[in-house]
PDB file of N, CA and C in Angstrom:
ATOM      1  N   MET A   1      40.400  -2.919  -6.092  1.00  0.00           N
ATOM      2  CA  MET A   1      39.594  -2.760  -6.865  1.00  0.00           C
ATOM      3  C   MET A   1      38.443  -2.089  -6.104  1.00  0.00           C
ATOM      4  N   LYS A   2      37.532  -1.695  -6.517  1.00  0.00           N
ATOM      5  CA  LYS A   2      36.285  -1.329  -5.843  1.00  0.00           C
ATOM      6  C   LYS A   2      35.206  -2.346  -6.081  1.00  0.00           C
ATOM      7  N   GLU A   3      34.411  -2.449  -5.557  1.00  0.00           N
ATOM      8  CA  GLU A   3      32.972  -3.402  -5.610  1.00  0.00           C
ATOM      9  C   GLU A   3      31.754  -2.586  -6.449  1.00  0.00           C
ATOM     10  N   VAL A   4      31.943  -3.712  -7.708  1.00  0.00           N
ATOM     11  CA  VAL A   4      31.035  -2.737  -8.492  1.00  0.00           C
ATOM     12  C   VAL A   4      29.758  -2.863  -7.988  1.00  0.00           C
ATOM     13  N   ASN A   5      28.851  -4.179  -7.654  1.00  0.00           N
ATOM     14  CA  ASN A   5      27.279  -4.422  -6.839  1.00  0.00           C
ATOM     15  C   ASN A   5      27.535  -4.342  -5.536  1.00  0.00           C
ATOM     16  N   PRO A   6      27.428  -3.431  -4.979  1.00  0.00           N
ATOM     17  CA  PRO A   6      27.272  -3.103  -3.391  1.00  0.00           C
ATOM     18  C   PRO A   6      26.126  -4.702  -2.472  1.00  0.00           C
ATOM     19  N   ALA A   7      26.104  -5.190  -1.939  1.00  0.00           N
ATOM     20  CA  ALA A   7      25.140  -5.903  -1.318  1.00  0.00           C
ATOM     21  C   ALA A   7      23.365  -5.205  -1.246  1.00  0.00           C
ATOM     22  N   PRO A   8      22.477  -6.162  -2.317  1.00  0.00           N
ATOM     23  CA  PRO A   8      21.295  -5.970  -2.231  1.00  0.00           C
ATOM     24  C   PRO A   8      20.524  -5.663  -0.924  1.00  0.00           C
ATOM     25  N   LEU A   9      19.888  -4.702  -0.762  1.00  0.00           N
ATOM     26  CA  LEU A   9      19.213  -5.138   0.261  1.00  0.00           C
ATOM     27  C   LEU A   9      18.212  -5.699   0.525  1.00  0.00           C
ATOM     28  N   SER A  10      17.757  -6.107   1.895  1.00  0.00           N
ATOM     29  CA  SER A  10      16.671  -7.035   1.960  1.00  0.00           C
ATOM     30  C   SER A  10      15.740  -6.403   1.904  1.00  0.00           C
ATOM     31  N   PRO A  11      14.619  -7.280   1.954  1.00  0.00           N
ATOM     32  CA  PRO A  11      12.903  -6.584   1.477  1.00  0.00           C
ATOM     33  C   PRO A  11      12.405  -5.982   2.809  1.00  0.00           C
ATOM     34  N   GLU A  12      12.861  -5.917   3.777  1.00  0.00           N
ATOM     35  CA  GLU A  12      12.478  -5.355   4.961  1.00  0.00           C
ATOM     36  C   GLU A  12      13.282  -3.996   5.454  1.00  0.00           C
ATOM     37  N   ASP A  13      14.576  -3.954   4.648  1.00  0.00           N
ATOM     38  CA  ASP A  13      15.459  -2.725   4.759  1.00  0.00           C
ATOM     39  C   ASP A  13      14.819  -1.842   3.679  1.00  0.00           C
ATOM     40  N   GLU A  14      14.173  -2.356   2.460  1.00  0.00           N
ATOM     41  CA  GLU A  14      13.839  -1.371   1.256  1.00  0.00           C
ATOM     42  C   GLU A  14      12.459  -1.024   1.145  1.00  0.00           C
ATOM     43  N   GLY A  15      12.287   0.393   1.659  1.00  0.00           N
ATOM     44  CA  GLY A  15      10.886   1.312   1.982  1.00  0.00           C
ATOM     45  C   GLY A  15      10.258   1.352   0.523  1.00  0.00           C
ATOM     46  N   PRO A  16       8.917   1.748   0.192  1.00  0.00           N
ATOM     47  CA  PRO A  16       7.816   1.866  -0.642  1.00  0.00           C
ATOM     48  C   PRO A  16       8.615   3.038  -1.384  1.00  0.00           C
ATOM     49  N   ARG A  17       9.032   4.124  -1.082  1.00  0.00           N
ATOM     50  CA  ARG A  17       9.210   5.005  -1.789  1.00  0.00           C
ATOM     51  C   ARG A  17       8.183   5.849  -2.815  1.00  0.00           C
ATOM     52  N   LEU A  18       6.949   5.978  -1.332  1.00  0.00           N
ATOM     53  CA  LEU A  18       6.193   6.763  -1.993  1.00  0.00           C
ATOM     54  C   LEU A  18       5.796   7.938  -0.797  1.00  0.00           C
ATOM     55  N   PRO A  19       5.544   9.069  -1.331  1.00  0.00           N
ATOM     56  CA  PRO A  19       5.495  10.262  -0.318  1.00  0.00           C
ATOM     57  C   PRO A  19       4.686   9.669   0.831  1.00  0.00           C
ATOM     58  N   GLY A  20       4.772  10.026   1.789  1.00  0.00           N
ATOM     59  CA  GLY A  20       3.946   9.600   3.203  1.00  0.00           C
ATOM     60  C   GLY A  20       4.007   8.270   3.977  1.00  0.00           C
ATOM     61  N   PHE A  21       4.443   7.767   3.127  1.00  0.00           N
ATOM     62  CA  PHE A  21       4.658   6.068   3.733  1.00  0.00           C
ATOM     63  C   PHE A  21       5.962   5.658   3.624  1.00  0.00           C
ATOM     64  N   ARG A  22       6.438   5.134   5.168  1.00  0.00           N
ATOM     65  CA  ARG A  22       7.773   4.782   5.018  1.00  0.00           C
ATOM     66  C   ARG A  22       7.661   3.287   5.075  1.00  0.00           C
ATOM     67  N   THR A  23       6.471   2.545   5.128  1.00  0.00           N
ATOM     68  CA  THR A  23       7.074   1.071   5.023  1.00  0.00           C
ATOM     69  C   THR A  23       5.472   0.371   4.506  1.00  0.00           C
ATOM     70  N   TRP A  24       5.893  -0.536   4.112  1.00  0.00           N
ATOM     71  CA  TRP A  24       4.725  -1.167   3.264  1.00  0.00           C
ATOM     72  C   TRP A  24       3.749  -1.770   3.831  1.00  0.00           C
ATOM     73  N   ARG A  25       3.766  -1.866   5.164  1.00  0.00           N
ATOM     74  CA  ARG A  25       2.667  -2.003   6.053  1.00  0.00           C
ATOM     75  C   ARG A  25       1.254  -1.093   5.906  1.00  0.00           C
ATOM     76  N   GLY A  26       1.918   0.736   5.803  1.00  0.00           N
ATOM     77  CA  GLY A  26       1.037   1.962   5.895  1.00  0.00           C
ATOM     78  C   GLY A  26       0.410   1.367   4.261  1.00  0.00           C
ATOM     79  N   VAL A  27       1.167   0.811   3.082  1.00  0.00           N
ATOM     80  CA  VAL A  27       0.456   0.912   1.906  1.00  0.00           C
ATOM     81  C   VAL A  27      -0.367   0.025   1.823  1.00  0.00           C
ATOM     82  N   TYR A  28      -0.327  -1.653   2.443  1.00  0.00           N
ATOM     83  CA  TYR A  28      -1.673  -1.909   2.135  1.00  0.00           C
ATOM     84  C   TYR A  28      -2.534  -2.026   3.170  1.00  0.00           C
ATOM     85  N   LEU A  29      -2.490  -1.308   4.639  1.00  0.00           N
ATOM     86  CA  LEU A  29      -3.738  -0.868   5.239  1.00  0.00           C
ATOM     87  C   LEU A  29      -4.221   0.516   4.051  1.00  0.00           C
ATOM     88  N   LEU A  30      -3.638   1.248   3.380  1.00  0.00           N
ATOM     89  CA  LEU A  30      -4.593   2.325   2.483  1.00  0.00           C
ATOM     90  C   LEU A  30      -5.363   1.294   1.674  1.00  0.00           C
ATOM     91  N   VAL A  31      -4.356   0.407   0.725  1.00  0.00           N
ATOM     92  CA  VAL A  31      -5.416  -0.623   0.328  1.00  0.00           C
ATOM     93  C   VAL A  31      -6.248  -1.091   0.388  1.00  0.00           C
ATOM     94  N   ILE A  32      -6.288  -1.561   1.324  1.00  0.00           N
ATOM     95  CA  ILE A  32      -7.276  -2.581   2.110  1.00  0.00           C
ATOM     96  C   ILE A  32      -8.135  -1.562   2.629  1.00  0.00           C
ATOM     97  N   GLY A  33      -7.755  -0.716   3.111  1.00  0.00           N
ATOM     98  CA  GLY A  33      -8.951   0.275   3.753  1.00  0.00           C
ATOM     99  C   GLY A  33      -9.877   1.070   2.609  1.00  0.00           C
ATOM    100  N   ALA A  34      -9.349   1.412   1.430  1.00  0.00           N
ATOM    101  CA  ALA A  34      -9.861   1.908   0.483  1.00  0.00           C
ATOM    102  C   ALA A  34     -10.570   0.917  -0.460  1.00  0.00           C
ATOM    103  N   PHE A  35     -10.537  -0.071  -0.350  1.00  0.00           N
ATOM    104  CA  PHE A  35     -11.423  -1.128  -0.975  1.00  0.00           C
ATOM    105  C   PHE A  35     -12.749  -1.635  -0.244  1.00  0.00           C
ATOM    106  N   VAL A  36     -12.090  -1.595   1.427  1.00  0.00           N
ATOM    107  CA  VAL A  36     -13.884  -1.686   2.443  1.00  0.00           C
ATOM    108  C   VAL A  36     -14.538  -0.590   2.180  1.00  0.00           C
ATOM    109  N   ALA A  37     -13.739   0.323   1.739  1.00  0.00           N
ATOM    110  CA  ALA A  37     -14.835   1.941   1.935  1.00  0.00           C
ATOM    111  C   ALA A  37     -15.802   1.813   0.117  1.00  0.00           C
ATOM    112  N   LEU A  38     -14.799   1.292  -0.669  1.00  0.00           N
ATOM    113  CA  LEU A  38     -15.688   0.952  -2.130  1.00  0.00           C
ATOM    114  C   LEU A  38     -16.987   0.184  -1.668  1.00  0.00           C
ATOM    115  N   VAL A  39     -16.462  -0.805  -0.902  1.00  0.00           N
ATOM    116  CA  VAL A  39     -17.510  -1.939  -1.244  1.00  0.00           C
ATOM    117  C   VAL A  39     -18.636  -1.238  -0.004  1.00  0.00           C
ATOM    118  N   VAL A  40     -18.716  -0.925   0.885  1.00  0.00           N
ATOM    119  CA  VAL A  40     -19.366  -0.156   1.864  1.00  0.00           C
ATOM    120  C   VAL A  40     -20.285   0.807   1.086  1.00  0.00           C
ATOM    121  N   ALA A  41     -19.503   1.720   0.271  1.00  0.00           N
ATOM    122  CA  ALA A  41     -19.902   2.610  -0.336  1.00  0.00           C
ATOM    123  C   ALA A  41     -21.086   2.643  -1.766  1.00  0.00           C
ATOM    124  N   LEU A  42     -20.191   0.844  -2.344  1.00  0.00           N
ATOM    125  CA  LEU A  42     -21.671   0.434  -3.041  1.00  0.00           C
ATOM    126  C   LEU A  42     -22.848  -0.406  -2.759  1.00  0.00           C
ATOM    127  N   THR A  43     -22.758  -0.411  -1.698  1.00  0.00           N
ATOM    128  CA  THR A  43     -23.732  -1.474  -1.008  1.00  0.00           C
ATOM    129  C   THR A  43     -25.022  -0.620  -0.571  1.00  0.00           C
ATOM    130  N   VAL A  44     -24.265   0.444  -0.126  1.00  0.00           N
ATOM    131  CA  VAL A  44     -25.378   1.966   0.599  1.00  0.00           C
ATOM    132  C   VAL A  44     -26.075   2.446  -0.633  1.00  0.00           C
ATOM    133  N   PHE A  45     -25.570   2.807  -1.433  1.00  0.00           N
ATOM    134  CA  PHE A  45     -25.807   3.258  -2.857  1.00  0.00           C
ATOM    135  C   PHE A  45     -27.021   2.270  -3.574  1.00  0.00           C
ATOM    136  N   THR A  46     -26.799   1.220  -3.429  1.00  0.00           N
ATOM    137  CA  THR A  46     -27.521   0.288  -3.710  1.00  0.00           C
ATOM    138  C   THR A  46     -28.948   0.200  -3.198  1.00  0.00           C
ATOM    139  N   ARG A  47     -28.597  -0.060  -1.650  1.00  0.00           N
ATOM    140  CA  ARG A  47     -29.533   0.154  -1.051  1.00  0.00           C
ATOM    141  C   ARG A  47     -30.615   1.096  -0.902  1.00  0.00           C
ATOM    142  N   LEU A  48     -29.879   2.123  -1.404  1.00  0.00           N
ATOM    143  CA  LEU A  48     -30.995   4.032  -1.484  1.00  0.00           C
ATOM    144  C   LEU A  48     -31.645   3.461  -2.679  1.00  0.00           C
ATOM    145  N   HIS A  49     -31.119   2.778  -3.956  1.00  0.00           N
ATOM    146  CA  HIS A  49     -31.628   3.357  -5.537  1.00  0.00           C
ATOM    147  C   HIS A  49     -32.055   2.178  -5.481  1.00  0.00           C
ATOM    148  N   ALA A  50     -32.373   1.408  -4.579  1.00  0.00           N
ATOM    149  CA  ALA A  50     -32.988   0.267  -5.418  1.00  0.00           C
ATOM    150  C   ALA A  50     -34.410   0.145  -5.252  1.00  0.00           C
TER     151      ALA A  50
END
Protein backbone atom coordinates (compact mmCIF):
# COMPACT_ATOMS: atom_id res chain seq x y z
CA MET A 1 0.00 0.00 0.00
CA LYS A 2 1.12 3.55 -0.68
CA GLU A 3 1.61 6.02 2.10
CA VAL A 4 -1.26 8.54 2.01
CA ASN A 5 0.35 11.37 4.00
CA PRO A 6 3.98 12.02 3.09
CA ALA A 7 6.24 13.42 5.79
CA PRO A 8 5.53 17.15 6.24
CA LEU A 9 8.23 19.60 5.30
CA SER A 10 10.06 21.34 8.08
CA PRO A 11 9.43 25.12 8.30
CA GLU A 12 12.96 25.72 7.02
CA ASP A 13 12.32 23.70 3.85
CA GLU A 14 9.05 25.40 2.96
CA GLY A 15 9.48 28.64 1.01
CA PRO A 16 7.09 31.59 1.07
CA ARG A 17 5.62 30.72 -2.38
CA LEU A 18 5.68 34.38 -3.40
CA PRO A 19 7.05 35.56 -6.73
CA GLY A 20 10.46 37.15 -6.31
CA PHE A 21 11.11 35.71 -2.84
CA ARG A 22 12.92 32.45 -2.20
CA THR A 23 13.14 32.73 1.59
CA TRP A 24 11.03 34.11 4.40
CA ARG A 25 13.95 36.31 5.39
CA GLY A 26 13.50 38.34 2.20
CA VAL A 27 9.79 38.81 2.92
CA TYR A 28 10.53 39.96 6.48
CA LEU A 29 13.18 42.42 5.27
CA LEU A 30 10.77 43.87 2.72
CA VAL A 31 8.04 44.39 5.33
CA ILE A 32 10.43 45.96 7.86
CA GLY A 33 11.97 48.16 5.16
CA ALA A 34 8.54 49.35 4.00
CA PHE A 35 7.56 50.17 7.59
CA VAL A 36 10.76 52.17 8.17
CA ALA A 37 10.27 54.04 4.89
CA LEU A 38 6.70 54.90 5.86
CA VAL A 39 7.75 56.23 9.28
CA VAL A 40 10.52 58.33 7.69
CA ALA A 41 8.12 59.71 5.06
CA LEU A 42 5.54 60.62 7.71
CA THR A 43 8.22 62.35 9.78
CA VAL A 44 9.46 64.37 6.80
CA PHE A 45 5.95 65.38 5.69
CA THR A 46 5.01 66.37 9.24
CA ARG A 47 8.03 68.67 9.51
CA LEU A 48 7.46 70.19 6.06
CA HIS A 49 3.78 70.96 6.60
CA ALA A 50 3.76 71.88 10.29
